[in-house]
């Protein structure tokens, strides 16, 4: 199995409502993620069945137990986006902290990185993913967007971010409020349908 780059969309449980998953899936498609099919156990499920299943799981505040079969968990989805070999999305409840949940969008690292003495992000892919994240940010329930690689630490909790801890941002993050931190090299206020802050660290990119 390849290593994955991840785009983590974070939500507060208090924002969950009856048509949440349907509205979110619609927002994903509007942002450019074309639904292909379910993944794994959900490969033969329809889009509507996956929406209903995941909505019910979130409403029950479900977390897969260590001894439970993964088929009892949230249903995963495959998307088409640009030329990437695989784009997959899945829910993680009570992650990275209680009363929150996250939708992880993952892309193989080899699709976006050049491995030459370390991980170097390809500039064109960084810009494409930033553009995707900015469109996704228009879904009003998203409280933070973090990015990272397979070997990075877990996403930072919303409470920790509010206290000033750096979000995961390889190569960027989007937050509702820009909390001051000396490690942030660039912060740009978004001026689209929804206000927010695009944060970047200084990274070396390749144009290849």
N, C-alpha and C. Protein backbone atom coordinates (compact mmCIF):
# COMPACT_ATOMS: atom_id res chain seq x y z
N UNK A 1 0.85 -1.19 0.00
CA UNK A 1 0.00 0.00 0.00
C UNK A 1 0.88 1.25 0.00
N UNK A 2 0.58 2.23 -0.87
CA UNK A 2 1.43 3.42 -0.94
C UNK A 2 1.25 4.32 0.28
N UNK A 3 2.23 5.22 0.45
CA UNK A 3 2.07 6.27 1.46
C UNK A 3 1.17 7.35 0.87
N UNK A 4 0.42 8.02 1.76
CA UNK A 4 -0.57 9.00 1.29
C UNK A 4 -0.33 10.40 1.86
N UNK A 5 -0.57 11.39 1.00
CA UNK A 5 -0.75 12.77 1.42
C UNK A 5 -2.20 12.92 1.87
N UNK A 6 -2.45 13.67 2.95
CA UNK A 6 -3.82 13.80 3.44
C UNK A 6 -4.25 15.26 3.58
N UNK A 7 -5.51 15.47 3.24
CA UNK A 7 -6.20 16.74 3.43
C UNK A 7 -7.28 16.47 4.46
N UNK A 8 -7.13 17.03 5.66
CA UNK A 8 -8.01 16.72 6.78
C UNK A 8 -8.99 17.87 7.03
N UNK A 9 -10.27 17.58 6.88
CA UNK A 9 -11.33 18.58 7.09
C UNK A 9 -11.97 18.32 8.44
N UNK A 10 -11.90 19.30 9.34
CA UNK A 10 -12.33 19.08 10.73
C UNK A 10 -13.65 19.78 11.04
N UNK A 11 -14.48 19.08 11.81
CA UNK A 11 -15.82 19.55 12.17
C UNK A 11 -16.04 19.41 13.68
N UNK A 12 -16.93 20.23 14.21
CA UNK A 12 -17.39 20.06 15.59
C UNK A 12 -18.70 19.28 15.58
N UNK A 13 -18.87 18.42 16.55
CA UNK A 13 -20.07 17.58 16.60
C UNK A 13 -21.34 18.42 16.72
N UNK A 14 -21.25 19.58 17.33
CA UNK A 14 -22.42 20.43 17.51
C UNK A 14 -23.00 20.92 16.18
N UNK A 15 -22.21 20.83 15.10
CA UNK A 15 -22.67 21.29 13.79
C UNK A 15 -23.35 20.19 12.97
N UNK A 16 -23.41 18.97 13.49
CA UNK A 16 -24.05 17.87 12.79
C UNK A 16 -25.56 18.07 12.75
N UNK A 17 -26.18 17.81 11.58
CA UNK A 17 -27.63 17.94 11.42
C UNK A 17 -28.12 16.83 10.50
N UNK A 18 -29.44 16.62 10.35
CA UNK A 18 -29.96 15.43 9.65
C UNK A 18 -29.47 15.21 8.22
N UNK A 19 -29.27 16.25 7.42
CA UNK A 19 -28.80 16.08 6.04
C UNK A 19 -27.33 16.47 5.87
N UNK A 20 -26.59 16.43 6.94
CA UNK A 20 -25.21 16.89 6.93
C UNK A 20 -24.37 16.18 5.86
N UNK A 21 -24.37 14.85 5.87
CA UNK A 21 -23.50 14.10 4.96
C UNK A 21 -23.91 14.34 3.51
N UNK A 22 -25.19 14.38 3.23
CA UNK A 22 -25.65 14.66 1.86
C UNK A 22 -25.17 16.03 1.40
N UNK A 23 -25.36 17.04 2.22
CA UNK A 23 -24.93 18.38 1.86
C UNK A 23 -23.41 18.46 1.69
N UNK A 24 -22.69 17.74 2.53
CA UNK A 24 -21.23 17.74 2.43
C UNK A 24 -20.77 17.06 1.15
N UNK A 25 -21.38 15.91 0.81
CA UNK A 25 -21.02 15.22 -0.43
C UNK A 25 -21.32 16.10 -1.64
N UNK A 26 -22.42 16.84 -1.60
CA UNK A 26 -22.73 17.79 -2.68
C UNK A 26 -21.64 18.85 -2.78
N UNK A 27 -21.16 19.33 -1.62
CA UNK A 27 -20.11 20.35 -1.59
C UNK A 27 -18.80 19.81 -2.15
N UNK A 28 -18.50 18.54 -1.87
CA UNK A 28 -17.29 17.93 -2.43
C UNK A 28 -17.33 17.93 -3.95
N UNK A 29 -18.49 17.58 -4.51
CA UNK A 29 -18.61 17.54 -5.96
C UNK A 29 -18.53 18.95 -6.56
N UNK A 30 -19.14 19.92 -5.91
CA UNK A 30 -19.06 21.30 -6.39
C UNK A 30 -17.61 21.80 -6.37
N UNK A 31 -16.82 21.30 -5.43
CA UNK A 31 -15.42 21.71 -5.31
C UNK A 31 -14.53 21.04 -6.35
N UNK A 32 -15.04 19.99 -7.02
CA UNK A 32 -14.25 19.34 -8.06
C UNK A 32 -13.94 17.88 -7.84
N UNK A 33 -14.39 17.30 -6.72
CA UNK A 33 -14.17 15.87 -6.45
C UNK A 33 -15.35 15.08 -7.02
N UNK A 34 -15.15 14.44 -8.14
CA UNK A 34 -16.21 13.68 -8.81
C UNK A 34 -16.36 12.31 -8.17
N UNK A 35 -17.55 12.00 -7.68
CA UNK A 35 -17.82 10.71 -7.06
C UNK A 35 -17.69 9.60 -8.09
N UNK A 36 -16.91 8.56 -7.77
CA UNK A 36 -16.78 7.39 -8.63
C UNK A 36 -17.55 6.19 -8.10
N UNK A 37 -17.26 5.82 -6.84
CA UNK A 37 -17.89 4.63 -6.25
C UNK A 37 -17.54 4.54 -4.78
N UNK A 38 -18.15 3.59 -4.12
CA UNK A 38 -17.70 3.24 -2.79
C UNK A 38 -16.38 2.49 -2.88
N UNK A 39 -15.75 2.29 -1.73
CA UNK A 39 -14.43 1.64 -1.69
C UNK A 39 -14.46 0.48 -0.70
N UNK A 40 -13.75 -0.59 -1.02
CA UNK A 40 -13.66 -1.73 -0.10
C UNK A 40 -15.01 -2.38 0.12
N UNK A 41 -15.44 -2.43 1.37
CA UNK A 41 -16.72 -3.04 1.72
C UNK A 41 -17.90 -2.33 1.07
N UNK A 42 -17.71 -1.07 0.69
CA UNK A 42 -18.80 -0.27 0.10
C UNK A 42 -18.73 -0.20 -1.42
N UNK A 43 -17.90 -1.03 -2.05
CA UNK A 43 -17.67 -0.93 -3.48
C UNK A 43 -18.96 -1.06 -4.29
N UNK A 44 -19.90 -1.86 -3.83
CA UNK A 44 -21.15 -2.08 -4.56
C UNK A 44 -22.30 -1.21 -4.05
N UNK A 45 -22.04 -0.38 -3.04
CA UNK A 45 -23.08 0.49 -2.48
C UNK A 45 -23.29 1.71 -3.38
N UNK A 46 -24.52 2.22 -3.42
CA UNK A 46 -24.81 3.44 -4.16
C UNK A 46 -24.36 4.66 -3.35
N UNK A 47 -24.27 5.79 -4.00
CA UNK A 47 -23.92 7.04 -3.32
C UNK A 47 -24.91 7.31 -2.19
N UNK A 48 -26.22 7.12 -2.47
CA UNK A 48 -27.23 7.36 -1.46
C UNK A 48 -27.10 6.43 -0.27
N UNK A 49 -26.77 5.16 -0.51
CA UNK A 49 -26.59 4.20 0.58
C UNK A 49 -25.41 4.58 1.45
N UNK A 50 -24.33 5.04 0.82
CA UNK A 50 -23.14 5.44 1.59
C UNK A 50 -23.45 6.68 2.43
N UNK A 51 -24.18 7.62 1.85
CA UNK A 51 -24.57 8.82 2.59
C UNK A 51 -25.41 8.44 3.80
N UNK A 52 -26.42 7.62 3.60
CA UNK A 52 -27.31 7.22 4.70
C UNK A 52 -26.55 6.47 5.79
N UNK A 53 -25.69 5.55 5.39
CA UNK A 53 -24.91 4.75 6.35
C UNK A 53 -24.04 5.67 7.21
N UNK A 54 -23.28 6.56 6.57
CA UNK A 54 -22.36 7.42 7.32
C UNK A 54 -23.10 8.45 8.16
N UNK A 55 -24.24 8.95 7.68
CA UNK A 55 -25.04 9.88 8.48
C UNK A 55 -25.49 9.21 9.77
N UNK A 56 -25.98 7.99 9.67
CA UNK A 56 -26.45 7.26 10.86
C UNK A 56 -25.31 6.99 11.82
N UNK A 57 -24.13 6.64 11.29
CA UNK A 57 -22.97 6.38 12.14
C UNK A 57 -22.55 7.65 12.90
N UNK A 58 -22.53 8.78 12.21
CA UNK A 58 -22.16 10.03 12.86
C UNK A 58 -23.18 10.43 13.92
N UNK A 59 -24.46 10.26 13.61
CA UNK A 59 -25.50 10.61 14.58
C UNK A 59 -25.41 9.76 15.84
N UNK A 60 -24.95 8.51 15.68
CA UNK A 60 -24.78 7.62 16.83
C UNK A 60 -23.44 7.83 17.53
N UNK A 61 -22.63 8.76 17.00
CA UNK A 61 -21.31 9.04 17.56
C UNK A 61 -20.45 7.77 17.56
N UNK A 62 -20.54 7.02 16.47
CA UNK A 62 -19.90 5.70 16.39
C UNK A 62 -18.38 5.81 16.24
N UNK A 63 -17.67 4.98 16.98
CA UNK A 63 -16.23 4.79 16.84
C UNK A 63 -15.97 3.29 16.76
N UNK A 64 -15.27 2.85 15.75
CA UNK A 64 -15.00 1.42 15.58
C UNK A 64 -14.12 0.91 16.71
N UNK A 65 -14.56 -0.15 17.37
CA UNK A 65 -13.79 -0.73 18.46
C UNK A 65 -12.61 -1.54 17.95
N UNK A 66 -11.65 -1.76 18.82
CA UNK A 66 -10.43 -2.47 18.43
C UNK A 66 -10.71 -3.91 17.99
N UNK A 67 -11.78 -4.51 18.51
CA UNK A 67 -12.08 -5.90 18.19
C UNK A 67 -13.19 -6.03 17.15
N UNK A 68 -13.74 -4.90 16.68
CA UNK A 68 -14.82 -4.95 15.69
C UNK A 68 -14.26 -5.05 14.28
N UNK A 69 -15.01 -5.76 13.41
CA UNK A 69 -14.60 -5.87 12.02
C UNK A 69 -14.79 -4.51 11.33
N UNK A 70 -13.86 -4.17 10.42
CA UNK A 70 -13.91 -2.85 9.79
C UNK A 70 -15.17 -2.63 8.95
N UNK A 71 -15.86 -3.70 8.60
CA UNK A 71 -17.10 -3.56 7.82
C UNK A 71 -18.19 -2.85 8.60
N UNK A 72 -18.05 -2.78 9.94
CA UNK A 72 -19.02 -2.07 10.78
C UNK A 72 -18.75 -0.57 10.82
N UNK A 73 -17.63 -0.14 10.25
CA UNK A 73 -17.24 1.26 10.34
C UNK A 73 -17.83 2.12 9.24
N UNK A 74 -17.29 3.30 9.10
CA UNK A 74 -17.77 4.26 8.11
C UNK A 74 -17.41 3.79 6.70
N UNK A 75 -18.27 4.08 5.73
CA UNK A 75 -18.06 3.69 4.34
C UNK A 75 -17.14 4.69 3.64
N UNK A 76 -16.15 4.16 2.92
CA UNK A 76 -15.20 4.99 2.19
C UNK A 76 -15.65 5.21 0.75
N UNK A 77 -15.10 6.26 0.12
CA UNK A 77 -15.50 6.66 -1.23
C UNK A 77 -14.26 6.91 -2.08
N UNK A 78 -14.37 6.55 -3.37
CA UNK A 78 -13.36 6.89 -4.36
C UNK A 78 -13.84 8.07 -5.19
N UNK A 79 -12.92 9.00 -5.47
CA UNK A 79 -13.22 10.18 -6.28
C UNK A 79 -12.27 10.27 -7.46
N UNK A 80 -12.69 11.04 -8.45
CA UNK A 80 -11.82 11.43 -9.56
C UNK A 80 -11.47 12.89 -9.38
N UNK A 81 -10.17 13.19 -9.38
CA UNK A 81 -9.71 14.58 -9.26
C UNK A 81 -8.39 14.72 -10.00
N UNK A 82 -8.38 15.58 -11.01
CA UNK A 82 -7.21 15.76 -11.87
C UNK A 82 -6.74 14.40 -12.40
N UNK A 83 -5.42 14.22 -12.47
CA UNK A 83 -4.90 12.97 -13.04
C UNK A 83 -4.43 11.99 -11.96
N UNK A 84 -4.80 12.23 -10.70
CA UNK A 84 -4.27 11.42 -9.62
C UNK A 84 -4.74 9.97 -9.71
N UNK A 85 -3.84 9.06 -9.40
CA UNK A 85 -4.13 7.63 -9.54
C UNK A 85 -5.20 7.15 -8.57
N UNK A 86 -5.31 7.78 -7.42
CA UNK A 86 -6.34 7.42 -6.45
C UNK A 86 -6.62 8.62 -5.55
N UNK A 87 -7.90 8.91 -5.36
CA UNK A 87 -8.33 9.92 -4.39
C UNK A 87 -9.44 9.27 -3.58
N UNK A 88 -9.23 9.18 -2.28
CA UNK A 88 -10.16 8.45 -1.42
C UNK A 88 -10.58 9.32 -0.25
N UNK A 89 -11.82 9.16 0.22
CA UNK A 89 -12.31 9.92 1.36
C UNK A 89 -12.96 9.02 2.39
N UNK A 90 -12.74 9.36 3.67
CA UNK A 90 -13.35 8.56 4.75
C UNK A 90 -13.46 9.39 6.02
N UNK A 91 -14.41 9.00 6.88
CA UNK A 91 -14.67 9.68 8.15
C UNK A 91 -13.84 9.09 9.28
N UNK A 92 -13.44 9.94 10.21
CA UNK A 92 -12.82 9.52 11.47
C UNK A 92 -13.54 10.28 12.59
N UNK A 93 -14.28 9.56 13.41
CA UNK A 93 -15.06 10.20 14.47
C UNK A 93 -14.27 10.29 15.77
N UNK A 94 -14.57 11.33 16.55
CA UNK A 94 -13.85 11.63 17.79
C UNK A 94 -12.35 11.71 17.51
N UNK A 95 -12.02 12.33 16.40
CA UNK A 95 -10.63 12.50 15.98
C UNK A 95 -10.48 13.91 15.40
N UNK A 96 -9.43 14.64 15.78
CA UNK A 96 -8.35 14.25 16.69
C UNK A 96 -8.66 14.47 18.17
N UNK A 97 -9.91 14.85 18.47
CA UNK A 97 -10.30 15.02 19.86
C UNK A 97 -11.79 14.73 20.00
N UNK A 98 -12.23 14.54 21.22
CA UNK A 98 -13.64 14.26 21.49
C UNK A 98 -14.50 15.45 21.04
N UNK A 99 -15.74 15.14 20.65
CA UNK A 99 -16.71 16.15 20.19
C UNK A 99 -16.34 16.75 18.84
N UNK A 100 -15.42 16.11 18.13
CA UNK A 100 -15.05 16.52 16.78
C UNK A 100 -15.02 15.29 15.88
N UNK A 101 -15.10 15.53 14.58
CA UNK A 101 -14.88 14.45 13.62
C UNK A 101 -14.22 15.04 12.39
N UNK A 102 -13.61 14.18 11.59
CA UNK A 102 -12.78 14.62 10.48
C UNK A 102 -13.10 13.82 9.23
N UNK A 103 -13.07 14.49 8.08
CA UNK A 103 -13.14 13.79 6.80
C UNK A 103 -11.76 13.88 6.17
N UNK A 104 -11.17 12.70 5.95
CA UNK A 104 -9.83 12.62 5.39
C UNK A 104 -9.91 12.38 3.88
N UNK A 105 -9.26 13.23 3.11
CA UNK A 105 -9.12 13.04 1.67
C UNK A 105 -7.65 12.71 1.42
N UNK A 106 -7.39 11.54 0.84
CA UNK A 106 -6.00 11.09 0.70
C UNK A 106 -5.66 10.84 -0.77
N UNK A 107 -4.39 11.16 -1.10
CA UNK A 107 -3.83 11.01 -2.44
C UNK A 107 -2.45 10.37 -2.28
N UNK A 108 -2.07 9.38 -3.10
CA UNK A 108 -0.74 8.81 -2.98
C UNK A 108 0.35 9.87 -3.03
N UNK A 109 1.29 9.78 -2.10
CA UNK A 109 2.38 10.76 -2.07
C UNK A 109 3.14 10.82 -3.39
N UNK A 110 3.30 9.67 -4.05
CA UNK A 110 4.06 9.64 -5.29
C UNK A 110 3.39 10.45 -6.40
N UNK A 111 2.10 10.75 -6.24
CA UNK A 111 1.40 11.58 -7.23
C UNK A 111 1.70 13.06 -7.09
N UNK A 112 2.13 13.48 -5.90
CA UNK A 112 2.31 14.92 -5.65
C UNK A 112 3.71 15.31 -5.21
N UNK A 113 4.56 14.33 -4.93
CA UNK A 113 5.91 14.60 -4.45
C UNK A 113 6.97 14.10 -5.42
N UNK A 114 8.13 14.73 -5.35
CA UNK A 114 9.32 14.22 -6.02
C UNK A 114 10.29 13.80 -4.92
N UNK A 115 10.76 12.56 -4.96
CA UNK A 115 11.64 12.05 -3.91
C UNK A 115 13.09 12.12 -4.39
N UNK A 116 13.73 13.19 -4.01
CA UNK A 116 15.14 13.39 -4.35
C UNK A 116 15.85 13.91 -3.10
N UNK A 117 16.31 13.00 -2.26
CA UNK A 117 16.96 13.40 -1.02
C UNK A 117 15.99 13.96 -0.01
N UNK A 118 14.73 13.56 -0.12
CA UNK A 118 13.70 14.04 0.81
C UNK A 118 12.42 14.33 0.05
N UNK A 119 11.38 14.69 0.78
CA UNK A 119 10.09 14.95 0.16
C UNK A 119 10.03 16.38 -0.37
N UNK A 120 9.87 16.52 -1.66
CA UNK A 120 9.76 17.83 -2.29
C UNK A 120 8.40 17.89 -2.97
N UNK A 121 7.58 18.86 -2.58
CA UNK A 121 6.24 18.99 -3.12
C UNK A 121 6.31 19.64 -4.50
N UNK A 122 5.62 19.04 -5.46
CA UNK A 122 5.55 19.62 -6.79
C UNK A 122 4.63 20.85 -6.76
N UNK A 123 5.14 21.98 -7.22
CA UNK A 123 4.43 23.25 -7.10
C UNK A 123 3.05 23.22 -7.73
N UNK A 124 2.94 22.63 -8.91
CA UNK A 124 1.65 22.63 -9.60
C UNK A 124 0.61 21.85 -8.80
N UNK A 125 1.02 20.80 -8.12
CA UNK A 125 0.08 20.02 -7.33
C UNK A 125 -0.27 20.75 -6.03
N UNK A 126 0.70 21.43 -5.45
CA UNK A 126 0.42 22.22 -4.25
C UNK A 126 -0.65 23.26 -4.55
N UNK A 127 -0.52 23.94 -5.68
CA UNK A 127 -1.48 24.99 -6.03
C UNK A 127 -2.85 24.40 -6.34
N UNK A 128 -2.89 23.23 -6.99
CA UNK A 128 -4.17 22.59 -7.29
C UNK A 128 -4.90 22.18 -6.02
N UNK A 129 -4.15 21.68 -5.04
CA UNK A 129 -4.76 21.23 -3.79
C UNK A 129 -5.18 22.43 -2.93
N UNK A 130 -4.40 23.51 -2.97
CA UNK A 130 -4.82 24.74 -2.28
C UNK A 130 -6.14 25.23 -2.86
N UNK A 131 -6.24 25.24 -4.18
CA UNK A 131 -7.47 25.69 -4.84
C UNK A 131 -8.66 24.82 -4.44
N UNK A 132 -8.44 23.49 -4.39
CA UNK A 132 -9.49 22.58 -3.94
C UNK A 132 -9.90 22.90 -2.51
N UNK A 133 -8.92 23.10 -1.63
CA UNK A 133 -9.22 23.39 -0.22
C UNK A 133 -9.99 24.69 -0.06
N UNK A 134 -9.64 25.70 -0.85
CA UNK A 134 -10.36 26.97 -0.77
C UNK A 134 -11.82 26.81 -1.19
N UNK A 135 -12.08 25.98 -2.19
CA UNK A 135 -13.46 25.73 -2.59
C UNK A 135 -14.20 24.94 -1.52
N UNK A 136 -13.52 23.96 -0.93
CA UNK A 136 -14.15 23.18 0.14
C UNK A 136 -14.46 24.04 1.35
N UNK A 137 -13.64 25.04 1.60
CA UNK A 137 -13.81 25.93 2.75
C UNK A 137 -15.16 26.63 2.72
N UNK A 138 -15.78 26.72 1.55
CA UNK A 138 -17.09 27.36 1.45
C UNK A 138 -18.19 26.56 2.13
N UNK A 139 -17.94 25.26 2.43
CA UNK A 139 -18.90 24.50 3.23
C UNK A 139 -18.79 25.01 4.66
N UNK A 140 -19.82 25.65 5.20
CA UNK A 140 -19.68 26.45 6.42
C UNK A 140 -19.35 25.68 7.69
N UNK A 141 -19.56 24.36 7.71
CA UNK A 141 -19.32 23.60 8.94
C UNK A 141 -17.86 23.22 9.14
N UNK A 142 -17.04 23.37 8.10
CA UNK A 142 -15.62 23.03 8.25
C UNK A 142 -14.95 24.06 9.15
N UNK A 143 -14.32 23.60 10.23
CA UNK A 143 -13.68 24.52 11.18
C UNK A 143 -12.19 24.69 10.95
N UNK A 144 -11.55 23.70 10.30
CA UNK A 144 -10.13 23.80 9.99
C UNK A 144 -9.80 22.79 8.90
N UNK A 145 -8.81 23.12 8.09
CA UNK A 145 -8.27 22.19 7.09
C UNK A 145 -6.78 22.07 7.34
N UNK A 146 -6.30 20.85 7.55
CA UNK A 146 -4.89 20.60 7.77
C UNK A 146 -4.37 19.65 6.68
N UNK A 147 -3.08 19.69 6.43
CA UNK A 147 -2.46 18.82 5.44
C UNK A 147 -1.22 18.16 6.02
N UNK A 148 -0.86 17.01 5.45
CA UNK A 148 0.32 16.33 5.95
C UNK A 148 0.66 15.10 5.13
N UNK A 149 1.77 14.47 5.49
CA UNK A 149 2.24 13.27 4.84
C UNK A 149 2.06 12.07 5.76
N UNK A 150 2.29 10.89 5.20
CA UNK A 150 2.05 9.64 5.93
C UNK A 150 2.78 9.59 7.27
N UNK A 151 4.02 10.08 7.28
CA UNK A 151 4.82 9.97 8.50
C UNK A 151 4.63 11.10 9.49
N UNK A 152 3.75 12.05 9.19
CA UNK A 152 3.54 13.18 10.09
C UNK A 152 2.73 12.78 11.32
N UNK A 153 2.74 13.66 12.32
CA UNK A 153 1.93 13.43 13.51
C UNK A 153 0.45 13.53 13.17
N UNK A 154 -0.40 13.06 14.08
CA UNK A 154 -1.85 13.18 13.91
C UNK A 154 -2.24 14.65 13.82
N UNK A 155 -3.39 14.91 13.20
CA UNK A 155 -3.89 16.28 13.11
C UNK A 155 -4.01 16.90 14.50
N UNK A 156 -3.85 18.20 14.56
CA UNK A 156 -3.94 18.93 15.82
C UNK A 156 -5.41 19.22 16.13
N UNK A 157 -5.81 19.05 17.38
CA UNK A 157 -7.19 19.30 17.77
C UNK A 157 -7.55 20.78 17.69
N UNK A 158 -8.83 21.06 17.49
CA UNK A 158 -9.29 22.44 17.38
C UNK A 158 -9.01 23.23 18.65
N UNK A 159 -9.16 22.59 19.80
CA UNK A 159 -8.90 23.29 21.06
C UNK A 159 -7.42 23.68 21.16
N UNK A 160 -6.55 22.77 20.73
CA UNK A 160 -5.11 23.07 20.78
C UNK A 160 -4.76 24.20 19.82
N UNK A 161 -5.39 24.23 18.64
CA UNK A 161 -5.15 25.32 17.69
C UNK A 161 -5.56 26.64 18.30
N UNK A 162 -6.73 26.65 18.97
CA UNK A 162 -7.20 27.89 19.60
C UNK A 162 -6.24 28.38 20.69
N UNK A 163 -5.50 27.45 21.27
CA UNK A 163 -4.52 27.81 22.29
C UNK A 163 -3.16 28.20 21.69
N UNK A 164 -3.07 28.14 20.35
CA UNK A 164 -1.87 28.61 19.69
C UNK A 164 -0.96 27.54 19.12
N UNK A 165 -1.36 26.24 19.21
CA UNK A 165 -0.52 25.19 18.65
C UNK A 165 -0.61 25.20 17.14
N UNK A 166 0.51 24.95 16.48
CA UNK A 166 0.56 24.92 15.03
C UNK A 166 -0.30 23.78 14.48
N UNK A 167 -1.14 24.05 13.48
CA UNK A 167 -1.82 22.94 12.80
C UNK A 167 -0.82 22.19 11.93
N UNK A 168 -1.17 20.97 11.52
CA UNK A 168 -0.37 20.30 10.50
C UNK A 168 -0.52 21.08 9.20
N UNK A 169 0.60 21.42 8.58
CA UNK A 169 0.53 22.25 7.38
C UNK A 169 1.70 21.95 6.44
N UNK A 170 1.66 20.72 5.91
CA UNK A 170 2.61 20.37 4.85
C UNK A 170 1.81 20.11 3.59
N UNK A 171 1.56 21.16 2.78
CA UNK A 171 2.27 22.44 2.81
C UNK A 171 1.44 23.63 3.31
N UNK A 172 0.17 23.43 3.74
CA UNK A 172 -0.64 24.58 4.13
C UNK A 172 -1.74 24.15 5.08
N UNK A 173 -2.44 25.15 5.64
CA UNK A 173 -3.63 24.91 6.46
C UNK A 173 -4.58 26.08 6.24
N UNK A 174 -5.86 25.86 6.53
CA UNK A 174 -6.85 26.93 6.51
C UNK A 174 -7.58 26.93 7.84
N UNK A 175 -7.65 28.10 8.48
CA UNK A 175 -8.28 28.24 9.78
C UNK A 175 -9.32 29.36 9.75
N UNK A 176 -10.25 29.29 10.69
CA UNK A 176 -11.25 30.36 10.81
C UNK A 176 -10.61 31.66 11.30
N UNK A 177 -9.67 31.52 12.20
CA UNK A 177 -8.98 32.67 12.80
C UNK A 177 -7.48 32.44 12.68
N UNK A 178 -6.72 33.47 12.38
CA UNK A 178 -5.28 33.34 12.27
C UNK A 178 -4.66 33.57 13.65
N UNK A 179 -4.22 32.47 14.27
CA UNK A 179 -3.57 32.57 15.57
C UNK A 179 -2.08 32.81 15.34
N UNK A 180 -1.52 33.78 16.00
CA UNK A 180 -0.13 34.14 15.79
C UNK A 180 0.83 33.02 16.15
N UNK A 181 1.80 32.78 15.26
CA UNK A 181 2.82 31.77 15.52
C UNK A 181 4.02 32.08 14.65
N UNK A 182 5.20 32.11 15.26
CA UNK A 182 6.40 32.51 14.54
C UNK A 182 6.80 31.51 13.45
N UNK A 183 6.27 30.26 13.50
CA UNK A 183 6.62 29.27 12.50
C UNK A 183 5.86 29.48 11.19
N UNK A 184 4.83 30.30 11.19
CA UNK A 184 4.05 30.56 9.99
C UNK A 184 4.78 31.60 9.14
N UNK A 185 5.17 31.21 7.92
CA UNK A 185 5.91 32.12 7.05
C UNK A 185 4.98 33.05 6.28
N UNK A 186 3.75 32.60 6.01
CA UNK A 186 2.85 33.40 5.20
C UNK A 186 1.42 33.15 5.65
N UNK A 187 0.62 34.20 5.79
CA UNK A 187 -0.80 34.08 6.14
C UNK A 187 -1.58 35.02 5.24
N UNK A 188 -2.54 34.47 4.51
CA UNK A 188 -3.33 35.25 3.57
C UNK A 188 -4.80 35.13 3.96
N UNK A 189 -5.47 36.25 4.09
CA UNK A 189 -6.90 36.21 4.41
C UNK A 189 -7.69 35.90 3.14
N UNK A 190 -8.49 34.82 3.21
CA UNK A 190 -9.31 34.44 2.07
C UNK A 190 -10.45 35.43 1.90
N UNK A 191 -10.80 35.70 0.67
CA UNK A 191 -11.83 36.69 0.39
C UNK A 191 -12.93 36.13 -0.52
N UNK A 192 -13.18 34.82 -0.39
CA UNK A 192 -14.21 34.19 -1.18
C UNK A 192 -15.57 34.28 -0.50
N UNK A 193 -16.38 33.24 -0.68
CA UNK A 193 -17.71 33.22 -0.08
C UNK A 193 -17.64 33.20 1.44
N UNK A 194 -16.54 32.69 1.98
CA UNK A 194 -16.39 32.57 3.43
C UNK A 194 -15.01 33.04 3.84
N UNK A 195 -14.95 33.85 4.86
CA UNK A 195 -13.66 34.35 5.34
C UNK A 195 -12.89 33.25 6.03
N UNK A 196 -11.59 33.35 5.96
CA UNK A 196 -10.71 32.40 6.62
C UNK A 196 -9.27 32.81 6.37
N UNK A 197 -8.32 32.04 6.91
CA UNK A 197 -6.90 32.32 6.76
C UNK A 197 -6.19 31.13 6.16
N UNK A 198 -5.48 31.38 5.07
CA UNK A 198 -4.63 30.37 4.44
C UNK A 198 -3.22 30.55 4.99
N UNK A 199 -2.71 29.53 5.66
CA UNK A 199 -1.40 29.59 6.31
C UNK A 199 -0.43 28.66 5.57
N UNK A 200 0.80 29.14 5.41
CA UNK A 200 1.83 28.33 4.75
C UNK A 200 3.12 28.41 5.54
N UNK A 201 3.86 27.33 5.50
CA UNK A 201 5.24 27.34 5.95
C UNK A 201 6.13 27.53 4.73
N UNK A 202 7.38 27.93 4.98
CA UNK A 202 8.33 28.03 3.88
C UNK A 202 8.78 26.61 3.52
N UNK A 203 8.55 26.22 2.26
CA UNK A 203 8.96 24.90 1.78
C UNK A 203 9.70 25.06 0.46
N UNK A 204 10.51 24.08 0.13
CA UNK A 204 11.18 24.07 -1.17
C UNK A 204 10.32 23.26 -2.12
N UNK A 205 9.94 23.84 -3.26
CA UNK A 205 9.09 23.18 -4.22
C UNK A 205 9.87 22.89 -5.49
N UNK A 206 9.34 21.96 -6.26
CA UNK A 206 9.90 21.67 -7.58
C UNK A 206 8.85 22.01 -8.63
N UNK A 207 9.29 22.54 -9.76
CA UNK A 207 8.37 22.86 -10.85
C UNK A 207 8.25 21.71 -11.83
N UNK A 208 8.92 20.58 -11.56
CA UNK A 208 8.89 19.43 -12.47
C UNK A 208 7.50 18.77 -12.42
